[in-house]
Amino acid sequence: MLRDRNDMTHFYNGDSAKHLVEKILETYIPEFQRMKCQIDLRYKDILSM
């Protein structure tokens, strides 16, 4: 993800940007959602304070 972020500063065509947006929507966002679920499960007692 960091590589994609760094590479994004060098994209000058729409196709590359569209590809990265698709990757964000299909890969990164679902992974962050899974991570949030795991954090909620593991730390529910702490987070509910």
N, C-alpha and C. Protein backbone atom coordinates (compact mmCIF):
# COMPACT_ATOMS: atom_id res chain seq x y z
N MET A 1 0.83 -1.18 0.00
CA MET A 1 0.00 0.00 0.00
C MET A 1 0.88 1.25 0.00
N LEU A 2 1.94 1.23 0.75
CA LEU A 2 2.84 2.40 0.75
C LEU A 2 3.48 2.61 -0.61
N ARG A 3 3.84 1.53 -1.26
CA ARG A 3 4.41 1.65 -2.61
C ARG A 3 3.40 2.28 -3.56
N ASP A 4 2.16 1.84 -3.47
CA ASP A 4 1.11 2.42 -4.32
C ASP A 4 0.93 3.90 -4.02
N ARG A 5 0.95 4.25 -2.75
CA ARG A 5 0.80 5.66 -2.39
C ARG A 5 1.95 6.48 -2.95
N ASN A 6 3.16 5.98 -2.80
CA ASN A 6 4.32 6.71 -3.31
C ASN A 6 4.31 6.79 -4.84
N ASP A 7 3.91 5.71 -5.48
CA ASP A 7 3.85 5.71 -6.94
C ASP A 7 2.78 6.66 -7.46
N MET A 8 1.72 6.84 -6.68
CA MET A 8 0.60 7.68 -7.13
C MET A 8 1.06 9.10 -7.42
N THR A 9 2.07 9.57 -6.73
CA THR A 9 2.55 10.93 -6.96
C THR A 9 3.18 11.08 -8.33
N HIS A 10 3.47 9.95 -8.98
CA HIS A 10 4.11 9.98 -10.28
C HIS A 10 3.18 9.56 -11.42
N PHE A 11 1.90 9.32 -11.10
CA PHE A 11 0.96 8.94 -12.14
C PHE A 11 0.51 10.19 -12.90
N TYR A 12 0.60 10.11 -14.19
CA TYR A 12 0.19 11.24 -15.00
C TYR A 12 -0.86 10.84 -16.03
N ASN A 13 -1.38 9.63 -15.92
CA ASN A 13 -2.45 9.26 -16.84
C ASN A 13 -3.63 8.68 -16.07
N GLY A 14 -4.78 8.83 -16.64
CA GLY A 14 -6.01 8.42 -15.98
C GLY A 14 -6.14 6.93 -15.77
N ASP A 15 -5.60 6.13 -16.68
CA ASP A 15 -5.70 4.68 -16.55
C ASP A 15 -4.99 4.18 -15.29
N SER A 16 -3.82 4.72 -15.02
CA SER A 16 -3.09 4.31 -13.81
C SER A 16 -3.85 4.72 -12.56
N ALA A 17 -4.41 5.90 -12.57
CA ALA A 17 -5.18 6.37 -11.41
C ALA A 17 -6.42 5.50 -11.22
N LYS A 18 -7.11 5.17 -12.30
CA LYS A 18 -8.29 4.32 -12.20
C LYS A 18 -7.94 2.95 -11.64
N HIS A 19 -6.82 2.41 -12.09
CA HIS A 19 -6.37 1.10 -11.59
C HIS A 19 -6.12 1.16 -10.08
N LEU A 20 -5.49 2.23 -9.63
CA LEU A 20 -5.23 2.35 -8.20
C LEU A 20 -6.53 2.51 -7.41
N VAL A 21 -7.47 3.25 -7.92
CA VAL A 21 -8.77 3.40 -7.24
C VAL A 21 -9.45 2.04 -7.13
N GLU A 22 -9.42 1.25 -8.19
CA GLU A 22 -10.00 -0.09 -8.13
C GLU A 22 -9.31 -0.93 -7.07
N LYS A 23 -8.00 -0.84 -7.00
CA LYS A 23 -7.24 -1.61 -6.01
C LYS A 23 -7.60 -1.18 -4.60
N ILE A 24 -7.77 0.11 -4.39
CA ILE A 24 -8.15 0.63 -3.08
C ILE A 24 -9.52 0.09 -2.69
N LEU A 25 -10.47 0.18 -3.62
CA LEU A 25 -11.84 -0.26 -3.33
C LEU A 25 -11.94 -1.77 -3.13
N GLU A 26 -11.19 -2.53 -3.90
CA GLU A 26 -11.31 -3.99 -3.87
C GLU A 26 -10.40 -4.66 -2.85
N THR A 27 -9.28 -4.03 -2.52
CA THR A 27 -8.30 -4.69 -1.66
C THR A 27 -8.10 -3.98 -0.33
N TYR A 28 -7.77 -2.71 -0.38
CA TYR A 28 -7.38 -2.00 0.84
C TYR A 28 -8.54 -1.73 1.78
N ILE A 29 -9.66 -1.25 1.27
CA ILE A 29 -10.79 -0.95 2.14
C ILE A 29 -11.32 -2.22 2.82
N PRO A 30 -11.53 -3.31 2.08
CA PRO A 30 -11.97 -4.53 2.77
C PRO A 30 -10.97 -5.01 3.82
N GLU A 31 -9.70 -4.85 3.56
CA GLU A 31 -8.70 -5.27 4.54
C GLU A 31 -8.76 -4.41 5.81
N PHE A 32 -8.97 -3.12 5.65
CA PHE A 32 -9.14 -2.26 6.82
C PHE A 32 -10.41 -2.61 7.58
N GLN A 33 -11.45 -2.98 6.87
CA GLN A 33 -12.69 -3.40 7.53
C GLN A 33 -12.48 -4.68 8.32
N ARG A 34 -11.74 -5.64 7.74
CA ARG A 34 -11.42 -6.88 8.47
C ARG A 34 -10.58 -6.58 9.71
N MET A 35 -9.62 -5.68 9.56
CA MET A 35 -8.77 -5.31 10.68
C MET A 35 -9.60 -4.68 11.80
N LYS A 36 -10.54 -3.81 11.44
CA LYS A 36 -11.39 -3.17 12.44
C LYS A 36 -12.21 -4.22 13.19
N CYS A 37 -12.74 -5.18 12.47
CA CYS A 37 -13.52 -6.24 13.12
C CYS A 37 -12.67 -7.02 14.11
N GLN A 38 -11.45 -7.33 13.71
CA GLN A 38 -10.55 -8.07 14.60
C GLN A 38 -10.17 -7.24 15.84
N ILE A 39 -9.94 -5.97 15.64
CA ILE A 39 -9.63 -5.10 16.78
C ILE A 39 -10.83 -5.02 17.71
N ASP A 40 -12.02 -4.85 17.14
CA ASP A 40 -13.23 -4.80 17.95
C ASP A 40 -13.41 -6.08 18.76
N LEU A 41 -13.16 -7.23 18.15
CA LEU A 41 -13.31 -8.50 18.86
C LEU A 41 -12.26 -8.65 19.96
N ARG A 42 -11.04 -8.34 19.64
CA ARG A 42 -9.95 -8.56 20.57
C ARG A 42 -9.96 -7.57 21.73
N TYR A 43 -10.33 -6.34 21.46
CA TYR A 43 -10.22 -5.29 22.47
C TYR A 43 -11.58 -4.70 22.86
N LYS A 44 -12.64 -5.50 22.72
CA LYS A 44 -13.99 -4.99 22.99
C LYS A 44 -14.14 -4.47 24.42
N ASP A 45 -13.51 -5.12 25.38
CA ASP A 45 -13.62 -4.66 26.78
C ASP A 45 -12.97 -3.30 26.97
N ILE A 46 -11.84 -3.11 26.36
CA ILE A 46 -11.13 -1.84 26.47
C ILE A 46 -11.84 -0.75 25.71
N LEU A 47 -12.32 -1.08 24.52
CA LEU A 47 -12.95 -0.08 23.67
C LEU A 47 -14.31 0.37 24.17
N SER A 48 -14.96 -0.45 24.98
CA SER A 48 -16.30 -0.09 25.46
C SER A 48 -16.25 0.82 26.69
N MET A 49 -15.09 1.13 27.19
CA MET A 49 -14.97 1.99 28.37
C MET A 49 -15.28 3.42 28.03
